[in-house]
Amino acid sequence: MNCDKVVNEVYTFLDGELTGVRRTMIEYHLRKCPPCADSFHFEERLLFLVRRSCSDGDEVPAELFHRLQALIQQEATEGTSGE
């Protein structure tokens, strides 16, 4: 599993939608790759805050979720393009 694959699956991971094997592969990668682990923990905290702000029982609005996801993906891409 490489960094690009981990970044692409972060929300699937956080939403608990991965198989056990795939989840284990990502967890292993995160233990071995500090930059991915940092990004993952940022995304995890962001998702927690968004969910908490929508704590009245509503789901995170789909438009907000997709806009945030696109911005995060853009940031991740721009952050790794100089390496």
Protein backbone atom coordinates (compact mmCIF):
# COMPACT_ATOMS: atom_id res chain seq x y z
CA MET A 1 0.00 0.00 0.00
CA ASN A 2 1.46 3.37 -0.99
CA CYS A 3 0.74 6.91 0.20
CA ASP A 4 -1.56 7.76 -2.73
CA LYS A 5 -3.79 4.78 -2.04
CA VAL A 6 -3.97 5.61 1.67
CA VAL A 7 -4.91 9.24 0.92
CA ASN A 8 -7.58 8.13 -1.54
CA GLU A 9 -9.18 5.80 1.01
CA VAL A 10 -9.01 7.94 4.14
CA TYR A 11 -12.74 8.71 4.30
CA THR A 12 -13.71 5.17 3.42
CA PHE A 13 -11.47 4.09 6.30
CA LEU A 14 -12.89 6.68 8.70
CA ASP A 15 -16.45 5.75 7.77
CA GLY A 16 -15.74 2.08 8.55
CA GLU A 17 -16.52 0.97 5.01
CA LEU A 18 -13.36 -1.08 4.35
CA THR A 19 -12.87 -4.81 4.61
CA GLY A 20 -10.79 -6.05 7.51
CA VAL A 21 -7.81 -6.82 5.27
CA ARG A 22 -7.85 -3.42 3.58
CA ARG A 23 -8.23 -1.67 6.94
CA THR A 24 -5.29 -3.63 8.35
CA MET A 25 -3.14 -2.69 5.33
CA ILE A 26 -3.90 1.01 5.85
CA GLU A 27 -3.27 0.79 9.60
CA TYR A 28 0.09 -0.85 8.90
CA HIS A 29 1.00 1.89 6.42
CA LEU A 30 0.00 4.61 8.90
CA ARG A 31 2.26 3.09 11.58
CA LYS A 32 5.21 3.16 9.17
CA CYS A 33 4.58 6.51 7.43
CA PRO A 34 4.50 9.58 9.71
CA PRO A 35 3.39 12.02 6.95
CA CYS A 36 0.36 9.84 6.12
CA ALA A 37 -0.38 9.35 9.82
CA ASP A 38 -0.32 13.12 10.35
CA SER A 39 -2.68 13.66 7.41
CA PHE A 40 -4.93 10.87 8.60
CA HIS A 41 -5.18 12.31 12.12
CA PHE A 42 -5.96 15.76 10.70
CA GLU A 43 -8.76 14.30 8.58
CA GLU A 44 -10.03 12.30 11.54
CA ARG A 45 -10.19 15.41 13.74
CA LEU A 46 -11.83 17.43 10.96
CA LEU A 47 -14.49 14.77 10.43
CA PHE A 48 -15.11 14.65 14.19
CA LEU A 49 -15.56 18.42 14.35
CA VAL A 50 -17.91 18.47 11.38
CA ARG A 51 -19.96 15.64 12.83
CA ARG A 52 -20.05 17.31 16.22
CA SER A 53 -21.25 20.57 14.68
CA CYS A 54 -24.09 18.60 13.08
CA SER A 55 -24.89 16.83 16.34
CA ASP A 56 -28.59 17.58 16.26
CA GLY A 57 -29.07 14.25 14.52
CA ASP A 58 -28.54 15.53 11.01
CA GLU A 59 -25.97 14.02 8.75
CA VAL A 60 -23.18 16.20 7.45
CA PRO A 61 -24.69 17.95 4.43
CA ALA A 62 -23.51 16.14 1.29
CA GLU A 63 -22.43 19.37 -0.38
CA LEU A 64 -20.29 20.35 2.60
CA PHE A 65 -18.75 16.89 2.82
CA HIS A 66 -17.84 16.85 -0.88
CA ARG A 67 -16.45 20.40 -0.81
CA LEU A 68 -14.28 19.59 2.21
CA GLN A 69 -13.16 16.33 0.68
CA ALA A 70 -12.16 18.12 -2.56
CA LEU A 71 -10.24 20.78 -0.63
CA ILE A 72 -8.43 18.20 1.44
CA GLN A 73 -7.56 16.15 -1.63
CA GLN A 74 -6.28 19.31 -3.34
CA GLU A 75 -4.15 20.15 -0.30
CA ALA A 76 -2.78 16.61 -0.14
CA THR A 77 -1.91 16.70 -3.84
CA GLU A 78 -0.25 20.10 -3.61
CA GLY A 79 1.60 19.09 -0.46
CA THR A 80 3.20 16.05 -2.12
CA SER A 81 3.87 17.57 -5.55
CA GLY A 82 7.10 19.22 -4.39
CA GLU A 83 8.69 16.00 -3.12
